[in-house]
Amino acid sequence: MDAAYSGADCRLVLDDGRTTPVQAARWAETASLSDVELLVDSCAGPTLDIGCGPGRLSAAVAARAHHVLGIDISPVAVRQTRARGAAAAVHDVFDDLPRRGRWQHLLLADGNIGIGGSPTRLLRRARQLLSPDGTVVVEVTADDGVRVHRGVRLRLGQRETAPFSWATVGTRAMPDLAAATGFDLLRISEAAGRHVAVLRPRAA
């Protein structure tokens, strides 16, 4: 997996044997125009970048003088994020994290809504981490529905990772998913073929 953080060509091998390319080269670059428009511009305060990878988004938020913390389970990714000038730490999103309930923004970019194979569980965790008036910025697909994949692997050349669970969430699934996890869907934006939803905790 760590080789992907340097932009190595890799593919996601689904549980049915099909493969799909992973945009790993984008992870290793600086933030693109669509990154800024869809993701970075939505972060105007303390931001937790979940699954930060090599840190292109954490670095872009930090460059605007906002407090940001990138978290990733890969020490290699965390070192790369720090090298870009952003704070980062090795954590799973379900760890005991700093600033619980006080983050103004949570970033779930590059399909990271799929972490753990349960978008519902992940968004409920996000609600615990977020301030009451904060937002979750979620990159989704243009497809319909929620697709859960068990036992997927990343393939890099002749090597494959251990199996893990992943999910994808389409734009049309977001209203129901938001409602089921205690959020209001504020908007879904599109640029350069990418789609990003912004959620806010529903008022009690």
Protein backbone atom coordinates (compact mmCIF):
# COMPACT_ATOMS: atom_id res chain seq x y z
CA MET A 1 0.00 0.00 0.00
CA ASP A 2 2.75 2.46 0.90
CA ALA A 3 4.09 2.48 -2.68
CA ALA A 4 0.77 3.93 -3.82
CA TYR A 5 1.44 7.05 -1.76
CA SER A 6 4.34 7.85 -4.07
CA GLY A 7 2.04 7.71 -7.09
CA ALA A 8 2.78 4.11 -8.14
CA ASP A 9 0.26 2.61 -10.55
CA CYS A 10 -2.22 0.44 -8.69
CA ARG A 11 -5.64 -1.10 -9.09
CA LEU A 12 -8.44 -2.02 -6.71
CA VAL A 13 -9.34 -5.71 -6.98
CA LEU A 14 -12.99 -6.16 -6.03
CA ASP A 15 -14.41 -9.20 -4.27
CA ASP A 16 -15.83 -10.51 -7.56
CA GLY A 17 -12.44 -10.34 -9.29
CA ARG A 18 -13.09 -7.19 -11.29
CA THR A 19 -10.44 -4.47 -11.12
CA THR A 20 -10.68 -0.71 -11.26
CA PRO A 21 -7.87 1.86 -11.46
CA VAL A 22 -6.95 3.89 -8.39
CA GLN A 23 -5.99 7.54 -8.88
CA ALA A 24 -2.83 7.15 -6.81
CA ALA A 25 -0.85 9.63 -8.92
CA ARG A 26 -3.29 12.35 -7.85
CA TRP A 27 -2.63 11.58 -4.19
CA ALA A 28 1.06 12.39 -4.58
CA GLU A 29 0.53 15.69 -6.43
CA THR A 30 -0.24 19.12 -5.05
CA ALA A 31 -3.90 20.04 -4.69
CA SER A 32 -5.58 20.46 -8.08
CA LEU A 33 -8.06 23.14 -9.12
CA SER A 34 -10.95 20.75 -8.48
CA ASP A 35 -9.45 19.80 -5.09
CA VAL A 36 -9.47 23.47 -4.14
CA GLU A 37 -12.91 24.24 -5.53
CA LEU A 38 -14.68 21.19 -4.13
CA LEU A 39 -12.76 20.40 -0.95
CA VAL A 40 -10.29 23.01 0.30
CA ASP A 41 -12.61 25.99 -0.20
CA SER A 42 -15.13 24.26 2.08
CA CYS A 43 -12.69 24.25 5.01
CA ALA A 44 -12.48 27.58 6.84
CA GLY A 45 -11.55 26.42 10.34
CA PRO A 46 -10.04 23.49 12.27
CA THR A 47 -10.08 20.55 9.85
CA LEU A 48 -9.55 16.81 10.32
CA ASP A 49 -8.41 15.15 7.09
CA ILE A 50 -9.43 11.50 7.46
CA GLY A 51 -7.28 9.11 5.45
CA CYS A 52 -5.00 11.96 4.46
CA GLY A 53 -2.59 9.87 2.37
CA PRO A 54 0.49 11.88 1.29
CA GLY A 55 -1.20 15.06 2.49
CA ARG A 56 -1.99 17.17 -0.55
CA LEU A 57 -5.27 18.39 0.99
CA SER A 58 -3.90 18.82 4.51
CA ALA A 59 -1.10 20.93 3.06
CA ALA A 60 -3.52 23.05 1.04
CA VAL A 61 -5.70 23.73 4.10
CA ALA A 62 -2.62 24.49 6.23
CA ALA A 63 -1.40 26.96 3.60
CA ARG A 64 -4.50 29.03 4.36
CA ALA A 65 -3.43 29.29 8.02
CA HIS A 66 -6.21 26.98 9.23
CA HIS A 67 -5.47 24.37 11.88
CA VAL A 68 -5.49 20.95 10.21
CA LEU A 69 -4.61 17.43 11.28
CA GLY A 70 -4.20 14.64 8.78
CA ILE A 71 -4.71 11.10 10.04
CA ASP A 72 -3.81 7.88 8.28
CA ILE A 73 -3.01 4.32 9.30
CA SER A 74 0.16 4.43 7.18
CA PRO A 75 3.32 5.84 8.82
CA VAL A 76 4.69 6.49 5.32
CA ALA A 77 1.69 8.64 4.44
CA VAL A 78 1.98 10.54 7.71
CA ARG A 79 5.67 11.27 7.12
CA GLN A 80 4.88 12.54 3.62
CA THR A 81 2.12 14.79 4.97
CA ARG A 82 4.46 16.26 7.58
CA ALA A 83 7.08 16.85 4.88
CA ARG A 84 4.51 19.05 3.11
CA GLY A 85 4.25 21.21 6.22
CA ALA A 86 0.99 19.92 7.69
CA ALA A 87 0.42 18.23 11.04
CA ALA A 88 -0.32 14.53 10.79
CA ALA A 89 -0.53 11.48 13.04
CA VAL A 90 -0.88 7.73 12.67
CA HIS A 91 -4.47 7.01 13.68
CA ASP A 92 -7.50 5.02 12.70
CA VAL A 93 -10.59 7.23 12.56
CA PHE A 94 -12.11 5.17 15.38
CA ASP A 95 -9.16 5.83 17.71
CA ASP A 96 -9.35 8.26 20.61
CA LEU A 97 -8.65 11.43 18.60
CA PRO A 98 -7.85 14.98 19.76
CA ARG A 99 -10.49 17.73 19.65
CA ARG A 100 -13.39 15.27 19.70
CA GLY A 101 -16.60 17.23 19.18
CA ARG A 102 -14.70 20.41 18.26
CA TRP A 103 -13.60 19.95 14.64
CA GLN A 104 -15.17 22.51 12.35
CA HIS A 105 -14.68 20.43 9.21
CA LEU A 106 -14.01 16.78 8.41
CA LEU A 107 -12.61 15.81 5.02
CA LEU A 108 -13.49 12.45 3.47
CA ALA A 109 -11.88 12.86 0.05
CA ASP A 110 -10.83 10.36 -2.62
CA GLY A 111 -13.60 7.92 -1.75
CA ASN A 112 -12.67 7.70 1.94
CA ILE A 113 -16.36 7.53 2.81
CA GLY A 114 -15.75 3.85 2.02
CA ILE A 115 -13.31 3.29 4.90
CA GLY A 116 -14.22 0.13 6.78
CA GLY A 117 -16.99 -0.84 4.37
CA SER A 118 -19.72 0.94 6.35
CA PRO A 119 -20.51 4.55 5.38
CA THR A 120 -23.23 4.60 8.05
CA ARG A 121 -20.81 3.71 10.85
CA LEU A 122 -18.21 6.16 9.53
CA LEU A 123 -20.65 9.09 9.36
CA ARG A 124 -21.92 8.35 12.86
CA ARG A 125 -18.31 8.49 14.02
CA ALA A 126 -17.89 11.75 12.11
CA ARG A 127 -20.81 13.21 14.02
CA GLN A 128 -19.02 12.44 17.31
CA LEU A 129 -15.89 14.24 16.12
CA LEU A 130 -17.60 17.29 14.63
CA SER A 131 -18.67 20.51 16.32
CA PRO A 132 -22.46 21.06 16.29
CA ASP A 133 -22.19 23.68 13.54
CA GLY A 134 -19.43 21.93 11.59
CA THR A 135 -19.51 20.19 8.22
CA VAL A 136 -18.40 16.91 6.71
CA VAL A 137 -17.06 17.29 3.18
CA VAL A 138 -17.52 13.96 1.40
CA GLU A 139 -16.32 12.98 -2.07
CA VAL A 140 -18.83 10.58 -3.64
CA THR A 141 -19.32 8.90 -7.01
CA ALA A 142 -21.74 9.71 -9.80
CA ASP A 143 -23.29 6.24 -9.42
CA ASP A 144 -26.51 5.37 -7.65
CA GLY A 145 -26.71 3.72 -4.27
CA VAL A 146 -24.24 2.35 -1.77
CA ARG A 147 -22.05 -0.57 -2.78
CA VAL A 148 -20.23 -2.53 -0.08
CA HIS A 149 -17.27 -4.73 -1.03
CA ARG A 150 -15.79 -7.31 1.34
CA GLY A 151 -12.33 -8.68 0.80
CA VAL A 152 -11.05 -6.12 -1.70
CA ARG A 153 -7.32 -5.71 -2.28
CA LEU A 154 -4.96 -3.16 -3.77
CA ARG A 155 -2.74 -4.54 -6.51
CA LEU A 156 0.62 -2.90 -7.19
CA GLY A 157 2.46 -4.75 -9.94
CA GLN A 158 2.70 -8.36 -8.79
CA ARG A 159 1.94 -7.55 -5.16
CA GLU A 160 -1.41 -7.33 -3.39
CA THR A 161 -2.43 -6.04 0.00
CA ALA A 162 -4.28 -8.09 2.57
CA PRO A 163 -8.07 -8.08 2.01
CA PHE A 164 -10.09 -5.23 3.51
CA SER A 165 -13.64 -3.91 3.39
CA TRP A 166 -14.56 -0.88 1.28
CA ALA A 167 -17.67 0.90 0.05
CA THR A 168 -18.69 3.43 -2.56
CA VAL A 169 -21.50 5.95 -2.19
CA GLY A 170 -23.29 7.59 -5.10
CA THR A 171 -24.84 11.04 -5.22
CA ARG A 172 -28.41 9.77 -5.15
CA ALA A 173 -27.75 7.79 -1.99
CA MET A 174 -26.58 10.83 -0.03
CA PRO A 175 -29.95 12.27 1.07
CA ASP A 176 -31.02 8.99 2.70
CA LEU A 177 -27.56 8.29 4.11
CA ALA A 178 -27.36 11.78 5.60
CA ALA A 179 -30.80 11.48 7.18
CA ALA A 180 -30.01 8.03 8.63
CA THR A 181 -26.87 9.32 10.35
CA GLY A 182 -28.21 12.58 11.78
CA PHE A 183 -27.10 15.02 9.11
CA ASP A 184 -28.68 17.51 6.77
CA LEU A 185 -27.41 17.46 3.19
CA LEU A 186 -26.48 21.06 2.41
CA ARG A 187 -25.36 20.61 -1.20
CA ILE A 188 -23.70 18.40 -3.78
CA SER A 189 -21.20 20.14 -6.05
CA GLU A 190 -19.54 18.91 -9.24
CA ALA A 191 -16.32 19.92 -10.97
CA ALA A 192 -14.00 18.11 -13.38
CA GLY A 193 -16.18 15.02 -13.21
CA ARG A 194 -15.95 14.80 -9.42
CA HIS A 195 -18.81 15.08 -6.92
CA VAL A 196 -18.65 16.33 -3.33
CA ALA A 197 -21.43 16.43 -0.75
CA VAL A 198 -21.41 18.75 2.26
CA LEU A 199 -23.26 17.62 5.39
CA ARG A 200 -24.11 19.41 8.63
CA PRO A 201 -25.35 17.80 11.87
CA ARG A 202 -29.11 18.08 12.16
CA ALA A 203 -30.17 20.36 14.97
CA ALA A 204 -31.61 18.55 17.98
